[in-house]
Amino acid sequence: MKRTLLILSLITLTATFSQAQYNTKTRIMIYGEGGLNLSTLYQSASSEKALKLSNITRPVIGLYVKTKFPTLMGFDAGVSLSQQGTNTKDSVASSAIFPDSAISKAVLNYAYAYGDALYYFELQGDNTIHAGVGLYAGYAMNGDQVTGSDKKKLLLDDWKRFDFGLQLKTAFNIHEFITLGVQYRIAFLRTLETVDRVGNDNNLRNSVLTLTAALRLFEIKSK
């Protein structure tokens, strides 16, 4: 998480020292978005990071509306379908995550809604960089336990289906038509509470870094 925050901060600082100008239009735009999640389950300090977990890479697709005011401020709000989870690296971690100890991946399918406050940095050539912070809420619809080439339904009885947390993002906008970005989500709520076979309590939360690309579908308002 510290590395992610550093990356986002460096991008924002780079934009801050660019030649920023005020936008003269109010623009409301609709975007279609696709991306790649690098996700795992974050272990709090109380769990002493006992479980050996690693990232999985899965897709995300979404639709959002973005507003840009005649200042450097704006906001976005959207919905998305996201695959995320974690990968266990040994039998101890597997026994804490799954009903068995087979080294596997947990892949969950989430539906999300979110909203962010944005701050824009105007660049030359009708290009911009924006940085944002907001909240998200999601629900785990179903999931799979993937072991090698085998896949079976993941029992979610011990999982917290509702997900809620903080979202940080930054992106480069090319003529407000193509947007390339990175965002990070960290859950406020625990996703899974479990005791592994060694006897450690493990309190796990969703942690997702996403690389995104979005295309403007149409513009509702520009004046």
Protein backbone atom coordinates (compact mmCIF):
# COMPACT_ATOMS: atom_id res chain seq x y z
CA MET A 1 0.00 0.00 0.00
CA LYS A 2 2.85 2.43 0.82
CA ARG A 3 4.39 1.86 -2.60
CA THR A 4 1.06 2.51 -4.30
CA LEU A 5 0.55 5.77 -2.39
CA LEU A 6 4.07 6.86 -3.36
CA ILE A 7 3.40 6.24 -7.06
CA LEU A 8 0.13 8.18 -6.97
CA SER A 9 1.79 11.04 -5.06
CA LEU A 10 4.65 11.31 -7.56
CA ILE A 11 2.27 11.48 -10.50
CA THR A 12 0.22 14.17 -8.78
CA LEU A 13 3.31 16.22 -7.89
CA THR A 14 4.54 16.01 -11.47
CA ALA A 15 1.25 17.45 -12.64
CA THR A 16 1.29 20.15 -9.97
CA PHE A 17 4.49 21.65 -11.33
CA SER A 18 3.24 21.60 -14.92
CA GLN A 19 1.81 24.73 -16.54
CA ALA A 20 -1.76 24.43 -15.28
CA GLN A 21 -4.57 26.54 -16.72
CA TYR A 22 -8.22 26.88 -15.81
CA ASN A 23 -10.82 25.04 -17.84
CA THR A 24 -13.40 27.37 -19.42
CA LYS A 25 -16.18 24.82 -20.01
CA THR A 26 -18.48 22.63 -17.98
CA ARG A 27 -18.26 19.18 -19.51
CA ILE A 28 -20.25 16.03 -18.69
CA MET A 29 -18.94 12.90 -20.39
CA ILE A 30 -19.78 9.19 -20.40
CA TYR A 31 -16.93 6.68 -20.58
CA GLY A 32 -16.63 2.94 -21.07
CA GLU A 33 -13.72 1.47 -19.15
CA GLY A 34 -11.71 -1.73 -19.02
CA GLY A 35 -8.78 -2.66 -16.87
CA LEU A 36 -6.60 -5.18 -15.12
CA ASN A 37 -6.80 -5.86 -11.38
CA LEU A 38 -3.79 -6.90 -9.32
CA SER A 39 -5.51 -7.99 -6.14
CA THR A 40 -4.89 -9.85 -2.91
CA LEU A 41 -6.15 -9.85 0.67
CA TYR A 42 -4.44 -7.31 2.92
CA GLN A 43 -3.43 -8.63 6.34
CA SER A 44 -3.72 -6.22 9.23
CA ALA A 45 -0.96 -5.82 11.80
CA SER A 46 -2.96 -7.83 14.34
CA SER A 47 -2.66 -10.91 12.15
CA GLU A 48 1.16 -10.54 12.11
CA LYS A 49 0.96 -11.24 8.37
CA ALA A 50 1.03 -14.95 9.05
CA LEU A 51 -0.40 -16.05 5.72
CA LYS A 52 1.67 -16.31 2.56
CA LEU A 53 -0.52 -14.72 -0.10
CA SER A 54 0.19 -13.23 -3.51
CA ASN A 55 -1.64 -11.23 -6.17
CA ILE A 56 -3.91 -12.55 -8.87
CA THR A 57 -4.50 -10.72 -12.15
CA ARG A 58 -8.08 -10.44 -13.33
CA PRO A 59 -10.20 -8.12 -15.55
CA VAL A 60 -12.60 -5.32 -14.67
CA ILE A 61 -15.11 -3.52 -16.91
CA GLY A 62 -17.25 -0.50 -16.14
CA LEU A 63 -19.18 2.58 -17.15
CA TYR A 64 -18.88 6.01 -15.56
CA VAL A 65 -19.85 9.66 -15.91
CA LYS A 66 -17.22 12.34 -15.44
CA THR A 67 -17.83 16.05 -14.88
CA LYS A 68 -15.31 18.82 -15.36
CA PHE A 69 -16.22 22.32 -14.13
CA PRO A 70 -14.83 25.74 -15.25
CA THR A 71 -12.25 25.43 -12.48
CA LEU A 72 -9.81 22.66 -11.70
CA MET A 73 -12.48 20.61 -9.92
CA GLY A 74 -14.77 17.81 -11.02
CA PHE A 75 -16.15 14.44 -10.03
CA ASP A 76 -16.89 11.02 -11.42
CA ALA A 77 -19.34 8.27 -10.50
CA GLY A 78 -19.73 4.84 -12.00
CA VAL A 79 -20.42 1.13 -11.79
CA SER A 80 -18.20 -1.83 -12.57
CA LEU A 81 -17.95 -5.60 -12.64
CA SER A 82 -14.69 -6.76 -11.12
CA GLN A 83 -12.90 -10.08 -10.66
CA GLN A 84 -10.48 -10.12 -7.73
CA GLY A 85 -9.21 -12.33 -4.94
CA THR A 86 -5.92 -13.83 -3.82
CA ASN A 87 -3.47 -16.64 -4.40
CA THR A 88 -2.30 -18.91 -1.58
CA LYS A 89 1.37 -19.91 -1.60
CA ASP A 90 1.37 -22.76 0.91
CA SER A 91 -0.95 -25.22 2.63
CA VAL A 92 -1.20 -23.10 5.81
CA ALA A 93 -2.64 -20.18 3.85
CA SER A 94 -4.89 -22.51 1.87
CA SER A 95 -6.35 -24.10 4.98
CA ALA A 96 -7.23 -20.61 6.28
CA ILE A 97 -8.90 -19.50 3.04
CA PHE A 98 -10.48 -22.71 1.73
CA PRO A 99 -12.19 -25.77 3.22
CA ASP A 100 -9.16 -27.86 2.17
CA SER A 101 -5.40 -27.26 2.12
CA ALA A 102 -4.88 -27.42 -1.64
CA ILE A 103 -2.81 -24.47 -2.85
CA SER A 104 -5.34 -22.49 -4.89
CA LYS A 105 -6.58 -19.13 -6.10
CA ALA A 106 -9.73 -17.50 -4.77
CA VAL A 107 -11.45 -15.59 -7.60
CA LEU A 108 -14.54 -13.57 -6.61
CA ASN A 109 -16.95 -11.70 -8.86
CA TYR A 110 -17.94 -8.27 -7.48
CA ALA A 111 -20.38 -5.58 -8.58
CA TYR A 112 -19.28 -2.08 -7.54
CA ALA A 113 -20.53 1.50 -7.43
CA TYR A 114 -18.28 4.44 -6.60
CA GLY A 115 -17.85 8.21 -6.58
CA ASP A 116 -14.73 10.38 -6.55
CA ALA A 117 -13.85 14.04 -6.19
CA LEU A 118 -11.34 15.02 -8.89
CA TYR A 119 -8.72 17.72 -9.24
CA TYR A 120 -7.51 18.55 -12.75
CA PHE A 121 -4.16 19.75 -14.03
CA GLU A 122 -4.42 21.32 -17.48
CA LEU A 123 -1.60 20.49 -19.88
CA GLN A 124 -0.87 21.72 -23.37
CA GLY A 125 -2.77 20.37 -26.37
CA ASP A 126 -6.12 19.87 -24.61
CA ASN A 127 -4.62 17.13 -22.44
CA THR A 128 -5.08 16.86 -18.68
CA ILE A 129 -4.04 14.87 -15.66
CA HIS A 130 -6.47 14.35 -12.82
CA ALA A 131 -6.10 12.96 -9.31
CA GLY A 132 -9.01 11.83 -7.19
CA VAL A 133 -10.17 10.35 -3.93
CA GLY A 134 -13.51 8.79 -3.12
CA LEU A 135 -15.49 5.92 -1.69
CA TYR A 136 -16.70 2.67 -3.17
CA ALA A 137 -19.20 -0.03 -2.23
CA GLY A 138 -19.47 -3.51 -3.66
CA TYR A 139 -21.06 -6.91 -3.32
CA ALA A 140 -19.53 -10.34 -3.95
CA MET A 141 -21.98 -12.23 -6.16
CA ASN A 142 -20.11 -15.54 -6.37
CA GLY A 143 -16.63 -16.97 -6.66
CA ASP A 144 -14.43 -19.90 -7.62
CA GLN A 145 -11.61 -21.88 -6.08
CA VAL A 146 -9.09 -22.47 -8.86
CA THR A 147 -6.56 -25.27 -8.34
CA GLY A 148 -4.34 -25.72 -11.37
CA SER A 149 -6.70 -26.38 -14.27
CA ASP A 150 -9.55 -27.39 -11.96
CA LYS A 151 -12.24 -24.95 -10.85
CA LYS A 152 -15.06 -25.33 -8.36
CA LYS A 153 -17.52 -22.99 -6.71
CA LEU A 154 -16.14 -21.12 -3.73
CA LEU A 155 -18.26 -21.36 -0.60
CA LEU A 156 -18.81 -17.81 0.63
CA ASP A 157 -20.35 -18.69 3.99
CA ASP A 158 -17.30 -17.35 5.85
CA TRP A 159 -16.75 -14.37 3.54
CA LYS A 160 -18.23 -10.92 4.03
CA ARG A 161 -20.05 -10.27 0.77
CA PHE A 162 -20.35 -6.49 1.28
CA ASP A 163 -17.22 -4.47 0.50
CA PHE A 164 -16.73 -0.79 1.35
CA GLY A 165 -13.64 1.37 1.37
CA LEU A 166 -11.36 4.12 0.09
CA GLN A 167 -10.43 4.67 -3.55
CA LEU A 168 -7.44 6.68 -4.83
CA LYS A 169 -6.86 7.34 -8.52
CA THR A 170 -4.88 9.31 -11.05
CA ALA A 171 -5.11 9.37 -14.84
CA PHE A 172 -3.81 10.99 -18.01
CA ASN A 173 -6.56 12.26 -20.33
CA ILE A 174 -5.79 12.57 -24.04
CA HIS A 175 -8.15 15.25 -25.44
CA GLU A 176 -10.70 14.03 -22.87
CA PHE A 177 -11.30 11.15 -25.30
CA ILE A 178 -8.91 8.42 -24.11
CA THR A 179 -8.03 8.07 -20.43
CA LEU A 180 -5.16 5.94 -19.09
CA GLY A 181 -5.07 5.57 -15.34
CA VAL A 182 -4.18 3.73 -12.17
CA GLN A 183 -6.29 3.38 -9.05
CA TYR A 184 -6.02 1.71 -5.68
CA ARG A 185 -8.76 0.40 -3.42
CA ILE A 186 -8.41 -0.65 0.20
CA ALA A 187 -11.38 -1.96 2.15
CA PHE A 188 -12.48 -0.51 5.48
CA LEU A 189 -14.34 -3.72 6.31
CA ARG A 190 -12.89 -7.16 6.82
CA THR A 191 -13.45 -9.50 3.91
CA LEU A 192 -12.55 -12.69 5.73
CA GLU A 193 -11.89 -13.56 9.36
CA THR A 194 -10.32 -16.95 9.87
CA VAL A 195 -8.03 -19.04 12.05
CA ASP A 196 -5.36 -21.06 10.27
CA ARG A 197 -4.24 -24.50 11.36
CA VAL A 198 -1.25 -23.01 13.19
CA GLY A 199 -3.71 -21.15 15.42
CA ASN A 200 -3.19 -17.60 14.13
CA ASP A 201 -6.14 -15.23 13.83
CA ASN A 202 -6.21 -13.70 10.36
CA ASN A 203 -8.20 -10.56 9.55
CA LEU A 204 -8.15 -9.99 5.80
CA ARG A 205 -9.35 -7.06 3.68
CA ASN A 206 -9.59 -6.51 -0.06
CA SER A 207 -6.63 -4.68 -1.58
CA VAL A 208 -6.78 -3.98 -5.32
CA LEU A 209 -4.45 -2.05 -7.64
CA THR A 210 -6.00 -1.47 -11.09
CA LEU A 211 -4.58 -0.30 -14.40
CA THR A 212 -7.35 1.21 -16.53
CA ALA A 213 -8.06 2.45 -20.04
CA ALA A 214 -11.27 4.32 -20.86
CA LEU A 215 -12.88 5.63 -24.04
CA ARG A 216 -15.35 8.51 -24.15
CA LEU A 217 -18.61 7.18 -25.57
CA PHE A 218 -20.41 10.50 -25.83
CA GLU A 219 -20.61 13.95 -24.25
CA ILE A 220 -23.82 15.11 -22.61
CA LYS A 221 -22.91 18.74 -22.04
CA SER A 222 -20.19 21.15 -23.08
CA LYS A 223 -20.64 24.88 -22.71
